[in-house]
């Protein structure tokens, strides 16, 4: 499996690339969003701002949306990468990729950003196969996603429950950073590769 990891100019590209390679994938970090349109699998990494990331992707947005939604290209969004899969965000003006219905809002809690390890509770889903229920993953975010369709597969409590993972077919998103989340994070990346390859 060859995976294109999008470089928006920021992001933890080395760690996510190494994590995916350990999961058995070949990784190509791309800076030109047009390269995503030729890829077999896409990863949108975390770190950065909604508006800045979308300004990079906007030139290919209609084609990118078609590739993800109509062609069914396996896609993983991590942290910010999950947020841009939705329609809009409180963080910046403009639209997201809109591959998922819903919006991104700022945390309504006194302790922002959410920073550090938090428990993730999920329902039975291949993305969490062979991971112990209630495992902790590493978060670093001030915004959370509010899906408007039935895609929520995991929740985390931080000033209230929020969607910490979503999946719609081979389209997946996680609000935490699996590449910073020890063995359970590496297992999740391995599971995503399995979903992308059709073995899970």
Protein backbone atom coordinates (compact mmCIF):
# COMPACT_ATOMS: atom_id res chain seq x y z
CA UNK A 1 0.00 0.00 0.00
CA UNK A 2 1.43 3.37 -1.05
CA UNK A 3 0.14 6.28 1.01
CA UNK A 4 0.38 9.98 0.14
CA UNK A 5 0.86 12.10 3.27
CA UNK A 6 -0.06 15.73 2.65
CA UNK A 7 2.45 18.36 3.75
CA UNK A 8 0.59 21.66 4.34
CA UNK A 9 3.81 23.30 5.50
CA UNK A 10 3.40 22.22 9.13
CA UNK A 11 2.76 18.91 10.85
CA UNK A 12 4.51 15.97 12.43
CA UNK A 13 5.41 14.39 9.11
CA UNK A 14 8.40 12.33 10.23
CA UNK A 15 6.56 10.52 13.03
CA UNK A 16 3.44 9.77 11.02
CA UNK A 17 5.50 8.58 8.05
CA UNK A 18 7.56 6.24 10.23
CA UNK A 19 4.42 4.96 11.94
CA UNK A 20 2.80 4.11 8.61
CA UNK A 21 5.97 2.47 7.36
CA UNK A 22 6.07 0.31 10.50
CA UNK A 23 2.47 -0.63 9.69
CA UNK A 24 3.66 -2.00 6.35
CA UNK A 25 2.92 0.92 4.02
CA UNK A 26 5.12 2.81 1.59
CA UNK A 27 4.89 6.55 2.26
CA UNK A 28 5.22 9.48 -0.12
CA UNK A 29 5.13 12.93 1.51
CA UNK A 30 3.66 15.35 -1.04
CA UNK A 31 3.66 19.15 -1.09
CA UNK A 32 1.62 19.55 -4.28
CA UNK A 33 -2.05 18.75 -3.55
CA UNK A 34 -2.52 17.62 -7.16
CA UNK A 35 -0.38 14.60 -6.29
CA UNK A 36 -3.17 13.44 -3.95
CA UNK A 37 -5.40 12.92 -6.97
CA UNK A 38 -3.06 10.22 -8.28
CA UNK A 39 -2.64 8.40 -4.97
CA UNK A 40 -4.07 5.08 -3.82
CA UNK A 41 -4.47 6.23 -0.22
CA UNK A 42 -4.37 9.62 1.55
CA UNK A 43 -3.35 10.76 5.03
CA UNK A 44 -4.01 14.29 6.26
CA UNK A 45 -1.73 14.79 9.30
CA UNK A 46 -2.35 16.92 12.37
CA UNK A 47 -0.92 20.22 13.61
CA UNK A 48 -1.71 23.60 12.07
CA UNK A 49 -4.78 25.74 11.41
CA UNK A 50 -7.95 24.87 9.51
CA UNK A 51 -7.79 27.88 7.19
CA UNK A 52 -4.11 27.48 6.36
CA UNK A 53 -4.52 23.79 5.52
CA UNK A 54 -7.56 24.45 3.35
CA UNK A 55 -5.79 27.26 1.48
CA UNK A 56 -3.31 24.63 0.29
CA UNK A 57 -6.05 22.17 -0.71
CA UNK A 58 -8.60 24.59 -2.22
CA UNK A 59 -7.17 24.51 -5.80
CA UNK A 60 -8.02 20.80 -6.06
CA UNK A 61 -11.00 20.71 -3.72
CA UNK A 62 -13.76 19.54 -6.13
CA UNK A 63 -11.53 16.79 -7.53
CA UNK A 64 -10.31 15.81 -4.06
CA UNK A 65 -13.85 15.56 -2.72
CA UNK A 66 -14.81 13.37 -5.70
CA UNK A 67 -11.77 11.14 -5.16
CA UNK A 68 -12.64 10.58 -1.50
CA UNK A 69 -16.43 10.36 -1.75
CA UNK A 70 -17.16 8.93 -5.19
CA UNK A 71 -14.02 6.94 -5.95
CA UNK A 72 -13.74 5.68 -2.36
CA UNK A 73 -10.04 6.37 -1.87
CA UNK A 74 -8.99 5.22 1.63
CA UNK A 75 -8.30 8.34 3.70
CA UNK A 76 -7.18 9.02 7.26
CA UNK A 77 -7.41 12.43 8.92
CA UNK A 78 -5.41 13.01 12.12
CA UNK A 79 -6.29 15.86 14.53
CA UNK A 80 -6.46 18.88 12.18
CA UNK A 81 -6.60 16.34 9.35
CA UNK A 82 -9.84 14.96 10.81
CA UNK A 83 -11.27 18.45 11.21
CA UNK A 84 -10.75 19.45 7.58
CA UNK A 85 -12.81 16.44 6.49
CA UNK A 86 -15.88 18.31 7.78
CA UNK A 87 -17.78 21.22 6.26
CA UNK A 88 -16.62 24.18 8.34
CA UNK A 89 -14.78 25.26 11.49
CA UNK A 90 -15.08 27.96 14.12
CA UNK A 91 -11.33 28.40 13.75
CA UNK A 92 -11.34 29.88 10.24
CA UNK A 93 -13.68 31.09 7.55
CA UNK A 94 -14.27 29.01 4.47
CA UNK A 95 -15.27 25.45 3.77
CA UNK A 96 -13.56 22.20 4.58
CA UNK A 97 -13.27 19.21 2.30
CA UNK A 98 -16.89 18.39 3.21
CA UNK A 99 -16.37 14.65 2.93
CA UNK A 100 -18.29 14.39 6.22
CA UNK A 101 -21.38 16.35 7.26
CA UNK A 102 -20.92 18.50 10.33
CA UNK A 103 -18.79 21.29 11.72
CA UNK A 104 -15.82 21.89 13.98
CA UNK A 105 -16.27 23.99 17.11
CA UNK A 106 -13.99 25.33 19.81
CA UNK A 107 -13.91 23.48 23.13
CA UNK A 108 -16.39 24.88 25.65
CA UNK A 109 -14.17 24.30 28.67
CA UNK A 110 -11.74 26.34 30.77
CA UNK A 111 -8.71 24.16 30.04
CA UNK A 112 -7.72 24.77 26.43
CA UNK A 113 -5.98 23.23 24.61
CA UNK A 114 -6.61 19.63 25.52
CA UNK A 115 -3.04 18.47 25.85
CA UNK A 116 -1.85 15.04 26.89
CA UNK A 117 -3.19 11.52 27.36
CA UNK A 118 -6.93 10.82 27.51
CA UNK A 119 -9.04 7.70 27.47
CA UNK A 120 -10.76 6.75 24.22
CA UNK A 121 -13.87 4.57 24.42
CA UNK A 122 -15.04 3.01 21.17
CA UNK A 123 -17.69 0.74 19.84
CA UNK A 124 -16.68 -2.39 17.96
CA UNK A 125 -14.87 -1.22 14.84
CA UNK A 126 -11.96 -2.55 12.73
CA UNK A 127 -10.01 0.69 13.28
CA UNK A 128 -9.58 -0.34 16.95
CA UNK A 129 -8.98 -4.06 16.42
CA UNK A 130 -6.50 -5.59 18.88
CA UNK A 131 -6.47 -2.43 21.04
CA UNK A 132 -7.64 -2.69 24.65
CA UNK A 133 -10.91 -0.86 25.34
CA UNK A 134 -10.31 2.37 27.22
CA UNK A 135 -6.70 2.75 26.09
CA UNK A 136 -5.26 6.23 26.27
CA UNK A 137 -4.12 8.23 23.27
CA UNK A 138 -2.26 11.52 22.99
CA UNK A 139 -4.30 14.66 22.23
CA UNK A 140 -3.25 18.24 21.39
CA UNK A 141 -6.25 20.25 20.24
CA UNK A 142 -8.50 23.24 20.95
CA UNK A 143 -11.28 22.25 18.53
CA UNK A 144 -13.53 19.21 18.20
CA UNK A 145 -15.75 17.77 15.48
CA UNK A 146 -19.54 17.59 15.64
CA UNK A 147 -20.68 15.03 13.05
CA UNK A 148 -24.18 15.40 11.64
CA UNK A 149 -24.31 11.82 10.36
CA UNK A 150 -23.80 8.43 12.00
CA UNK A 151 -20.01 8.19 11.71
CA UNK A 152 -18.93 8.44 15.36
CA UNK A 153 -17.03 5.30 16.42
CA UNK A 154 -15.24 6.58 19.55
CA UNK A 155 -15.67 9.20 22.24
CA UNK A 156 -13.51 10.97 24.79
CA UNK A 157 -14.61 12.94 27.85
CA UNK A 158 -12.94 16.34 28.16
CA UNK A 159 -15.40 18.83 29.61
CA UNK A 160 -18.08 16.59 28.06
CA UNK A 161 -18.12 13.78 25.55
CA UNK A 162 -16.94 14.45 22.01
CA UNK A 163 -16.23 12.38 18.90
CA UNK A 164 -12.60 11.31 19.07
CA UNK A 165 -12.81 8.97 16.07
CA UNK A 166 -15.09 8.67 13.04
CA UNK A 167 -15.37 6.26 10.15
CA UNK A 168 -17.43 6.18 6.98
CA UNK A 169 -16.38 3.16 4.95
CA UNK A 170 -12.68 3.60 4.18
CA UNK A 171 -12.76 7.25 5.30
CA UNK A 172 -11.41 7.52 8.86
CA UNK A 173 -10.63 10.35 11.24
CA UNK A 174 -9.07 10.49 14.70
CA UNK A 175 -8.82 13.60 16.89
CA UNK A 176 -5.79 12.21 18.74
CA UNK A 177 -2.28 11.59 17.42
CA UNK A 178 -1.70 7.84 16.89
CA UNK A 179 1.90 8.54 15.87
CA UNK A 180 2.52 9.88 19.41
CA UNK A 181 0.43 7.24 21.21
CA UNK A 182 2.83 4.36 21.84
CA UNK A 183 1.96 0.79 20.82
CA UNK A 184 -1.80 1.37 20.66
CA UNK A 185 -1.27 4.22 18.22
CA UNK A 186 0.93 2.10 16.00
CA UNK A 187 -1.70 -0.65 16.11
CA UNK A 188 -4.35 1.83 14.97
CA UNK A 189 -2.19 2.88 12.02
CA UNK A 190 -1.71 -0.81 11.17
CA UNK A 191 -5.48 -1.26 11.33
CA UNK A 192 -6.03 1.70 9.00
CA UNK A 193 -3.62 0.17 6.49
CA UNK A 194 -5.60 -3.07 6.78
CA UNK A 195 -8.86 -1.19 6.12
CA UNK A 196 -7.27 0.55 3.14
CA UNK A 197 -6.03 -2.75 1.73
CA UNK A 198 -9.39 -4.44 2.32
CA UNK A 199 -8.06 -7.01 4.78
CA UNK A 200 -10.04 -5.60 7.76
